[in-house]
Amino acid sequence: MRETARNGRRWGLASSGRRLQRERRLARTAAVAASVALCVATTGCVAPAPDRSALPSSPPGTAAPPPSTLTATPTPTGPPPVLQPTGSVEVIAQGLESPWSILRLPGGGTLVSERDTANVVEVLGDGSLRVAATVAGVVPGGEGGLLGLAFRPTDGDDPDFVYAYFTAASDNRIVRMPLTGAPGSLGLGAPEDVLTGIPKAGNHDGGRLAFGPDGFLYATAGDAGNRDVAQDPNSLSGKILRMTADGQPAPGNPFGNLTWSYGHRNPQGIAWDANGDLWAAEFGQNTWDELNRITRGANYGWPVVEGQAGDARFVDPVQQWSTSEASPSGLAIVGDTLFLAALRGERLWSIAPATSGAALSATPWFTGELGRLRDVTAGPDGELWFIGNNTDGRGSPSPGDDKLFRVRLAPA
């Protein structure tokens, strides 16, 4: 059984003048949010726990990457450079348990969600780990638990918020929690529901969160094992959702609800390129895993088709892989290159170029060397950070697993 089981395999925009002003301010700061976005938590936190583990290969950087690679307009000098890993992979931290999402904060500091423990773990400058918060109400099971994290800076008297997507007793939901403390002593305050009622199941729970260049929150929702609802724009299942920071349908959504695109089986990683276009990685069923370019109101075919079907009713993926090569999870865009973390495929894929219009070329990296890879994000100083996922019950853990890795990037 693979990550998504191969065999058989919430409205209206309620906006006072104050809210509209806040959304406009948010749009102005969206590039910062998008650069550290990537997709979650719940209903209560407890005090930080003691340090858990250490032993990095060398101290990690803490400042978040500049937002220039996620701007909504192309640069006048042409597309960004195509990049690729270079040199050896280094370990930033180890001893993580079923890690799911890497969240690098613009003010410094790195948080990682752990699916099965409901912990949000802070990675310290020396590579050691401390529990920043434990999210109450998380009910792990199968592919569900504490999943994606995202960051939203606020202005005025409001705090910065960390958003989290998690599986509760009866649903999947999105909450937000005020970020407290400074790097080295980060914490999360009491959670506030943003969106509840996303269907849950033992698999196909989606779970990725990210703020887009437009300032709105995007979330991936799987079909939760109910295939046909993926084709219903009024259902929350099998969708990419787009909402305000308060969980209301974003202005301009195609169906007047939360749905941005539909016909998805289990969409995972999401990221925006230098032109402001949205991309998403998606688990297929028996044959094809997918990389899709996402457009407003588009239907991506599930469960009628899988992979590139050439059916005019649906949008074909721009790239597909056999299920043994991928099980695609986290997705990041750095420069003009998409980096995709593969679980069953036990590799990091680079796909480029994102914006020039040339034919896409996909290259595997570190195949079989690091085990299952769950998430990937831009690091500081020209680095790429990514995280293993060998302790989730489906991998074969090595000593110190799971680990947070980094590698340098250089022009291809």
Protein backbone atom coordinates (compact mmCIF):
# COMPACT_ATOMS: atom_id res chain seq x y z
CA MET A 1 0.00 0.00 0.00
CA ARG A 2 1.54 3.35 -1.06
CA GLU A 3 1.10 6.79 0.49
CA THR A 4 -2.47 7.13 -0.89
CA ALA A 5 -3.58 3.51 -1.08
CA ARG A 6 -2.97 2.34 -4.62
CA ASN A 7 -5.26 -0.69 -4.63
CA GLY A 8 -8.91 0.20 -4.94
CA ARG A 9 -7.44 2.89 -4.64
CA ARG A 10 -17.23 25.90 4.49
CA TRP A 11 -19.26 31.64 3.36
CA GLY A 12 -19.52 34.58 1.18
CA LEU A 13 -17.08 37.32 1.82
CA ALA A 14 -18.14 38.93 5.11
CA SER A 15 -16.09 42.06 5.01
CA SER A 16 -16.27 45.18 7.09
CA GLY A 17 -14.13 48.13 6.05
CA ARG A 18 -11.50 47.04 8.53
CA ARG A 19 -11.29 43.56 7.03
CA LEU A 20 -10.97 44.92 3.51
CA GLN A 21 -8.13 47.17 4.63
CA ARG A 22 -6.43 44.23 6.24
CA GLU A 23 -6.74 42.13 3.10
CA ARG A 24 -5.26 44.94 1.01
CA ARG A 25 -2.37 45.23 3.44
CA LEU A 26 -1.98 41.50 3.27
CA ALA A 27 -1.75 41.61 -0.51
CA ARG A 28 1.11 44.11 -0.21
CA THR A 29 3.00 41.72 2.04
CA ALA A 30 2.02 38.58 0.20
CA ALA A 31 5.39 37.98 -1.35
CA VAL A 32 6.88 37.60 2.10
CA ALA A 33 4.14 35.24 3.15
CA ALA A 34 4.46 33.19 0.01
CA SER A 35 8.17 32.78 0.39
CA VAL A 36 7.68 30.99 3.67
CA ALA A 37 4.30 29.54 2.98
CA LEU A 38 3.99 25.94 3.03
CA CYS A 39 0.66 24.24 4.39
CA VAL A 40 -1.08 23.31 9.89
CA ALA A 41 -2.24 22.98 13.63
CA THR A 42 -5.40 22.89 15.98
CA THR A 43 -7.15 23.79 19.16
CA GLY A 44 -4.75 24.13 22.03
CA CYS A 45 -1.13 24.34 22.94
CA VAL A 46 0.94 23.45 25.93
CA ALA A 47 4.17 24.80 27.31
CA PRO A 48 7.40 24.01 25.47
CA ALA A 49 8.96 20.70 26.28
CA PRO A 50 12.67 20.05 26.79
CA ASP A 51 15.14 19.80 23.93
CA ARG A 52 14.77 16.51 22.11
CA SER A 53 17.78 15.83 19.96
CA ALA A 54 20.77 17.38 18.33
CA LEU A 55 23.83 16.62 16.25
CA PRO A 56 23.71 18.77 13.12
CA SER A 57 26.53 18.60 10.64
CA SER A 58 26.87 22.39 10.93
CA PRO A 59 24.67 25.28 12.19
CA PRO A 60 21.70 26.14 9.94
CA GLY A 61 20.84 29.64 8.76
CA THR A 62 17.70 31.11 10.27
CA ALA A 63 16.62 34.03 8.07
CA ALA A 64 13.93 33.22 5.52
CA PRO A 65 14.70 33.46 1.83
CA PRO A 66 13.94 36.72 0.01
CA PRO A 67 10.51 36.78 -1.65
CA SER A 68 11.85 37.76 -5.07
CA THR A 69 11.37 34.31 -6.54
CA LEU A 70 7.64 34.41 -5.74
CA THR A 71 6.75 37.85 -7.06
CA ALA A 72 3.53 37.95 -9.10
CA THR A 73 5.13 39.76 -12.04
CA PRO A 74 8.05 38.64 -14.16
CA THR A 75 11.31 40.52 -13.92
CA PRO A 76 12.18 42.75 -16.88
CA THR A 77 15.40 40.86 -17.50
CA GLY A 78 13.68 37.58 -18.28
CA PRO A 79 13.01 34.42 -16.29
CA PRO A 80 14.99 33.50 -13.18
CA PRO A 81 17.83 31.02 -13.52
CA VAL A 82 17.34 27.30 -13.67
CA LEU A 83 19.02 25.79 -10.60
CA GLN A 84 20.16 22.38 -9.51
CA PRO A 85 21.69 20.79 -6.42
CA THR A 86 25.46 20.89 -6.17
CA GLY A 87 27.86 19.39 -3.68
CA SER A 88 27.02 17.06 -0.85
CA VAL A 89 23.85 16.87 1.21
CA GLU A 90 24.31 17.96 4.85
CA VAL A 91 22.23 17.20 7.93
CA ILE A 92 20.79 20.29 9.69
CA ALA A 93 18.90 18.38 12.41
CA GLN A 94 17.85 14.86 13.23
CA GLY A 95 15.55 12.99 15.57
CA LEU A 96 12.27 14.27 14.09
CA GLU A 97 9.21 12.00 14.33
CA SER A 98 6.98 11.71 11.24
CA PRO A 99 7.76 15.29 10.12
CA TRP A 100 5.40 16.79 7.55
CA SER A 101 5.89 20.53 6.89
CA ILE A 102 8.89 22.86 7.07
CA LEU A 103 8.06 26.50 7.92
CA ARG A 104 10.90 29.01 7.73
CA LEU A 105 9.96 32.34 9.35
CA PRO A 106 10.98 35.72 7.89
CA GLY A 107 12.07 36.99 11.31
CA GLY A 108 14.27 33.95 11.80
CA GLY A 109 13.54 30.51 13.11
CA THR A 110 12.31 27.27 11.61
CA LEU A 111 9.28 25.22 12.66
CA VAL A 112 8.48 21.66 11.63
CA SER A 113 5.12 19.92 12.11
CA GLU A 114 5.11 16.30 13.24
CA ARG A 115 2.11 14.41 11.93
CA ASP A 116 1.77 11.71 14.56
CA THR A 117 2.89 13.58 17.72
CA ALA A 118 0.90 16.82 17.06
CA ASN A 119 4.08 18.72 17.96
CA VAL A 120 5.31 21.88 16.28
CA VAL A 121 9.07 21.57 16.71
CA GLU A 122 11.54 24.44 16.55
CA VAL A 123 14.88 23.74 14.92
CA LEU A 124 17.47 25.72 16.86
CA GLY A 125 20.60 27.36 15.46
CA ASP A 126 22.80 24.52 16.61
CA GLY A 127 20.52 21.93 15.05
CA SER A 128 18.94 20.79 18.31
CA LEU A 129 15.16 20.51 18.62
CA ARG A 130 12.60 21.83 21.09
CA VAL A 131 8.83 21.50 21.13
CA ALA A 132 7.38 24.98 20.51
CA ALA A 133 3.80 23.77 21.00
CA THR A 134 1.68 20.65 21.08
CA VAL A 135 -1.60 21.12 19.27
CA ALA A 136 -4.63 19.72 21.09
CA GLY A 137 -7.39 18.02 19.16
CA VAL A 138 -5.16 16.38 16.58
CA VAL A 139 -6.23 12.79 15.96
CA PRO A 140 -3.49 11.06 13.98
CA GLY A 141 -4.35 8.04 11.90
CA GLY A 142 -3.22 6.76 8.55
CA GLU A 143 -2.23 9.78 6.50
CA GLY A 144 -4.00 12.20 8.88
CA GLY A 145 -2.62 14.18 11.80
CA LEU A 146 -0.81 17.49 12.11
CA LEU A 147 0.00 18.38 8.52
CA GLY A 148 0.77 21.67 6.74
CA LEU A 149 1.96 24.95 8.26
CA ALA A 150 1.84 28.48 6.82
CA PHE A 151 2.85 31.93 8.08
CA ARG A 152 0.91 35.21 7.79
CA PRO A 153 2.45 38.49 8.94
CA THR A 154 -0.05 41.01 10.29
CA ASP A 155 0.17 44.71 11.00
CA GLY A 156 -1.27 47.12 13.53
CA ASP A 157 -1.84 45.56 16.92
CA ASP A 158 -2.40 42.05 15.60
CA PRO A 159 0.25 39.37 16.03
CA ASP A 160 1.84 37.28 13.37
CA PHE A 161 -0.02 34.01 12.88
CA VAL A 162 0.99 30.46 12.13
CA TYR A 163 -1.76 28.58 10.30
CA ALA A 164 -2.07 24.83 10.53
CA TYR A 165 -4.04 22.08 8.80
CA PHE A 166 -4.80 18.95 10.83
CA THR A 167 -7.02 15.95 11.21
CA ALA A 168 -9.44 16.14 14.16
CA ALA A 169 -11.91 13.59 15.48
CA SER A 170 -14.55 14.27 12.83
CA ASP A 171 -12.94 16.36 10.11
CA ASN A 172 -9.87 18.02 8.71
CA ARG A 173 -9.60 21.67 9.67
CA ILE A 174 -7.50 24.82 9.47
CA VAL A 175 -6.67 26.92 12.53
CA ARG A 176 -4.43 29.87 13.22
CA MET A 177 -2.31 30.57 16.29
CA PRO A 178 -0.47 33.73 17.32
CA LEU A 179 3.28 33.34 17.08
CA THR A 180 5.03 34.20 20.33
CA GLY A 181 8.62 34.52 21.47
CA ALA A 182 11.82 34.92 19.50
CA PRO A 183 13.95 32.43 17.62
CA GLY A 184 15.22 29.94 20.14
CA SER A 185 12.09 30.28 22.29
CA LEU A 186 9.23 30.35 19.80
CA GLY A 187 5.74 29.40 20.90
CA LEU A 188 2.16 29.35 19.64
CA GLY A 189 -0.86 30.85 21.43
CA ALA A 190 -4.41 29.58 21.61
CA PRO A 191 -5.79 28.45 18.25
CA GLU A 192 -8.74 29.96 16.41
CA ASP A 193 -10.75 28.00 13.84
CA VAL A 194 -10.40 29.30 10.31
CA LEU A 195 -12.14 26.51 8.39
CA THR A 196 -13.73 23.31 9.66
CA GLY A 197 -15.61 20.47 8.00
CA ILE A 198 -13.09 19.34 5.41
CA PRO A 199 -13.81 15.60 5.05
CA LYS A 200 -11.25 13.25 6.62
CA ALA A 201 -10.29 9.64 6.05
CA GLY A 202 -7.44 7.28 6.71
CA ASN A 203 -5.90 8.51 3.48
CA HIS A 204 -6.26 11.24 0.86
CA ASP A 205 -6.41 14.08 3.42
CA GLY A 206 -4.43 16.63 1.40
CA GLY A 207 -3.08 19.03 4.00
CA ARG A 208 -0.77 21.58 2.42
CA LEU A 209 -1.22 25.31 3.20
CA ALA A 210 0.32 28.38 1.56
CA PHE A 211 -0.44 32.07 1.13
CA GLY A 212 -0.33 33.04 -2.52
CA PRO A 213 1.03 36.19 -4.17
CA ASP A 214 -2.57 37.50 -4.13
CA GLY A 215 -2.57 37.44 -0.31
CA PHE A 216 -5.14 34.65 0.00
CA LEU A 217 -4.75 31.31 1.73
CA TYR A 218 -4.70 28.17 -0.39
CA ALA A 219 -5.22 24.67 0.98
CA THR A 220 -5.11 21.25 -0.64
CA ALA A 221 -7.92 18.82 0.22
CA GLY A 222 -7.93 15.19 -0.86
CA ASP A 223 -11.01 13.21 -1.85
CA ALA A 224 -10.94 11.42 1.56
CA GLY A 225 -11.70 8.16 -0.21
CA ASN A 226 -14.95 9.45 -1.77
CA ARG A 227 -13.89 9.59 -5.40
CA ASP A 228 -16.95 11.11 -7.02
CA VAL A 229 -17.13 14.24 -4.85
CA ALA A 230 -13.90 15.43 -6.45
CA GLN A 231 -16.08 16.36 -9.44
CA ASP A 232 -18.55 18.38 -7.31
CA PRO A 233 -17.43 22.04 -7.06
CA ASN A 234 -19.64 22.44 -3.98
CA SER A 235 -17.79 19.79 -2.00
CA LEU A 236 -14.63 20.52 -0.04
CA SER A 237 -13.12 17.18 -1.06
CA GLY A 238 -10.71 16.72 -3.94
CA LYS A 239 -10.06 20.43 -4.30
CA ILE A 240 -7.59 23.23 -4.06
CA LEU A 241 -9.32 25.77 -1.82
CA ARG A 242 -8.79 29.56 -1.83
CA MET A 243 -9.91 31.71 1.09
CA THR A 244 -9.37 34.92 3.02
CA ALA A 245 -7.24 34.89 6.13
CA ASP A 246 -10.48 34.42 8.11
CA GLY A 247 -11.58 31.36 6.12
CA GLN A 248 -14.19 32.99 3.86
CA PRO A 249 -14.34 32.39 0.10
CA ALA A 250 -11.85 34.69 -1.56
CA PRO A 251 -13.15 37.33 -4.00
CA GLY A 252 -13.01 36.07 -7.55
CA ASN A 253 -13.41 32.38 -6.74
CA PRO A 254 -15.06 30.73 -9.76
CA PHE A 255 -18.04 29.08 -8.03
CA GLY A 256 -18.75 31.63 -5.29
CA ASN A 257 -17.50 29.21 -2.66
CA LEU A 258 -14.09 28.04 -1.48
CA THR A 259 -13.24 25.97 -4.57
CA TRP A 260 -10.44 27.24 -6.78
CA SER A 261 -9.87 24.06 -8.80
CA TYR A 262 -11.38 20.57 -8.63
CA GLY A 263 -11.08 17.03 -9.89
CA HIS A 264 -8.14 16.26 -7.62
CA ARG A 265 -7.42 12.92 -5.94
CA ASN A 266 -4.92 13.91 -3.26
CA PRO A 267 -3.15 17.19 -4.06
CA GLN A 268 -0.14 17.89 -1.88
CA GLY A 269 2.60 20.44 -2.51
CA ILE A 270 1.71 23.86 -3.91
CA ALA A 271 4.02 26.70 -5.02
CA TRP A 272 4.01 29.80 -7.24
CA ASP A 273 6.49 30.65 -9.95
CA ALA A 274 7.95 34.05 -10.87
CA ASN A 275 4.95 34.77 -13.11
CA GLY A 276 2.55 34.17 -10.20
CA ASP A 277 1.29 30.88 -11.64
CA LEU A 278 0.29 28.14 -9.21
CA TRP A 279 1.65 24.59 -9.45
CA ALA A 280 0.55 21.53 -7.48
CA ALA A 281 1.85 17.99 -6.96
CA GLU A 282 -0.74 15.22 -6.80
CA PHE A 283 -0.86 11.55 -5.90
CA GLY A 284 -2.36 9.42 -8.64
CA GLN A 285 -3.80 5.95 -8.14
CA ASN A 286 -2.38 2.94 -9.91
CA THR A 287 -0.57 4.45 -12.86
CA TRP A 288 0.37 8.12 -12.84
CA ASP A 289 1.44 10.70 -10.27
CA GLU A 290 1.07 14.27 -11.47
CA LEU A 291 2.49 17.79 -11.56
CA ASN A 292 -0.24 20.26 -12.51
CA ARG A 293 -0.30 23.93 -13.44
CA ILE A 294 -3.41 25.18 -11.62
CA THR A 295 -5.82 27.66 -13.17
CA ARG A 296 -9.02 29.23 -11.84
CA GLY A 297 -12.04 26.93 -12.04
CA ALA A 298 -10.26 24.17 -13.93
CA ASN A 299 -11.18 20.49 -13.69
CA TYR A 300 -8.22 18.10 -13.37
CA GLY A 301 -10.17 14.96 -14.14
CA TRP A 302 -10.20 12.69 -11.11
CA PRO A 303 -11.77 10.15 -10.89
CA VAL A 304 -12.68 10.07 -14.58
CA VAL A 305 -9.09 10.19 -15.77
CA GLU A 306 -5.63 9.75 -14.30
CA GLY A 307 -2.56 11.32 -15.85
CA GLN A 308 -2.38 12.75 -19.34
CA ALA A 309 -5.62 11.56 -20.92
CA GLY A 310 -6.00 14.05 -23.76
CA ASP A 311 -9.65 14.56 -22.82
CA ALA A 312 -10.83 18.10 -23.66
CA ARG A 313 -13.09 18.16 -20.61
CA PHE A 314 -10.11 18.13 -18.28
CA VAL A 315 -6.71 19.75 -17.82
CA ASP A 316 -3.84 17.32 -18.29
CA PRO A 317 -0.85 17.34 -15.95
CA VAL A 318 2.26 19.00 -17.35
CA GLN A 319 4.40 16.20 -15.99
CA GLN A 320 3.64 12.67 -14.87
CA TRP A 321 5.57 9.82 -13.27
CA SER A 322 4.90 6.20 -12.59
CA THR A 323 3.78 5.62 -9.00
CA SER A 324 7.04 3.88 -8.13
CA GLU A 325 9.04 6.95 -9.14
CA ALA A 326 7.22 9.61 -7.15
CA SER A 327 4.37 9.68 -4.60
CA PRO A 328 4.84 13.45 -4.79
CA SER A 329 4.51 15.49 -1.61
CA GLY A 330 6.09 18.90 -0.85
CA LEU A 331 6.82 21.33 -3.67
CA ALA A 332 9.00 24.45 -3.82
CA ILE A 333 10.05 26.80 -6.60
CA VAL A 334 13.47 28.40 -6.42
CA GLY A 335 14.62 30.44 -9.36
CA ASP A 336 12.93 28.90 -12.39
CA THR A 337 13.07 25.36 -11.02
CA LEU A 338 10.42 23.30 -9.27
CA PHE A 339 11.72 20.94 -6.58
CA LEU A 340 9.42 18.08 -5.63
CA ALA A 341 9.89 15.71 -2.67
CA ALA A 342 9.01 12.10 -3.49
CA LEU A 343 7.98 9.54 -0.87
CA ARG A 344 7.78 6.12 -2.46
CA GLY A 345 10.20 7.27 -5.14
CA GLU A 346 12.77 8.16 -2.46
CA ARG A 347 14.21 11.01 -4.48
CA LEU A 348 14.09 14.76 -5.07
CA TRP A 349 12.83 15.79 -8.49
CA SER A 350 13.86 19.02 -10.20
CA ILE A 351 11.60 20.21 -13.03
CA ALA A 352 12.49 23.19 -15.20
CA PRO A 353 12.03 25.71 -16.65
CA ALA A 354 8.87 26.98 -14.93
CA THR A 355 8.31 30.23 -16.83
CA SER A 356 10.30 30.48 -20.06
CA GLY A 357 7.87 28.37 -22.08
CA ALA A 358 10.49 25.81 -23.04
CA ALA A 359 9.73 22.13 -22.67
CA LEU A 360 9.92 20.85 -19.11
CA SER A 361 12.75 18.56 -18.15
CA ALA A 362 12.60 16.44 -14.98
CA THR A 363 15.74 15.18 -13.23
CA PRO A 364 15.89 12.86 -10.19
CA TRP A 365 18.37 13.55 -7.38
CA PHE A 366 19.58 11.43 -4.44
CA THR A 367 17.57 8.40 -5.56
CA GLY A 368 17.48 5.80 -2.79
CA GLU A 369 20.11 7.62 -0.74
CA LEU A 370 17.98 9.42 1.90
CA GLY A 371 14.78 7.41 1.95
CA ARG A 372 11.32 8.91 1.71
CA LEU A 373 11.22 12.71 1.27
CA ARG A 374 8.18 14.64 2.55
CA ASP A 375 8.74 18.39 2.14
CA VAL A 376 11.10 20.86 0.48
CA THR A 377 11.58 24.63 0.79
CA ALA A 378 13.99 27.40 -0.16
CA GLY A 379 16.78 27.82 2.39
CA PRO A 380 19.10 30.74 3.10
CA ASP A 381 22.13 31.70 1.09
CA GLY A 382 21.34 29.68 -2.00
CA GLU A 383 20.41 26.50 -0.16
CA LEU A 384 17.55 24.07 -0.61
CA TRP A 385 16.13 22.44 2.55
CA PHE A 386 14.18 19.20 2.55
CA ILE A 387 13.03 16.65 5.08
CA GLY A 388 12.95 12.88 5.31
CA ASN A 389 9.89 10.85 6.26
CA ASN A 390 11.07 7.37 7.14
CA THR A 391 9.41 7.21 10.59
CA ASP A 392 5.82 7.49 9.39
CA GLY A 393 5.22 3.74 9.38
CA ARG A 394 5.94 3.23 5.71
CA GLY A 395 9.66 3.78 5.55
CA SER A 396 12.73 2.01 6.81
CA PRO A 397 14.30 4.34 9.39
CA SER A 398 18.05 4.72 9.60
CA PRO A 399 19.83 5.91 12.76
CA GLY A 400 18.83 9.52 13.52
CA ASP A 401 15.79 9.54 11.26
CA ASP A 402 14.00 11.62 10.47
CA LYS A 403 16.40 14.33 9.36
CA LEU A 404 16.26 17.85 7.98
CA PHE A 405 18.73 18.22 5.11
CA ARG A 406 20.25 21.00 3.07
CA VAL A 407 22.12 21.23 -0.19
CA ARG A 408 23.56 24.12 -2.16
CA LEU A 409 21.95 25.23 -5.43
CA ALA A 410 23.84 26.46 -8.46
CA PRO A 411 22.86 27.45 -12.02
CA ALA A 412 22.28 24.42 -14.19
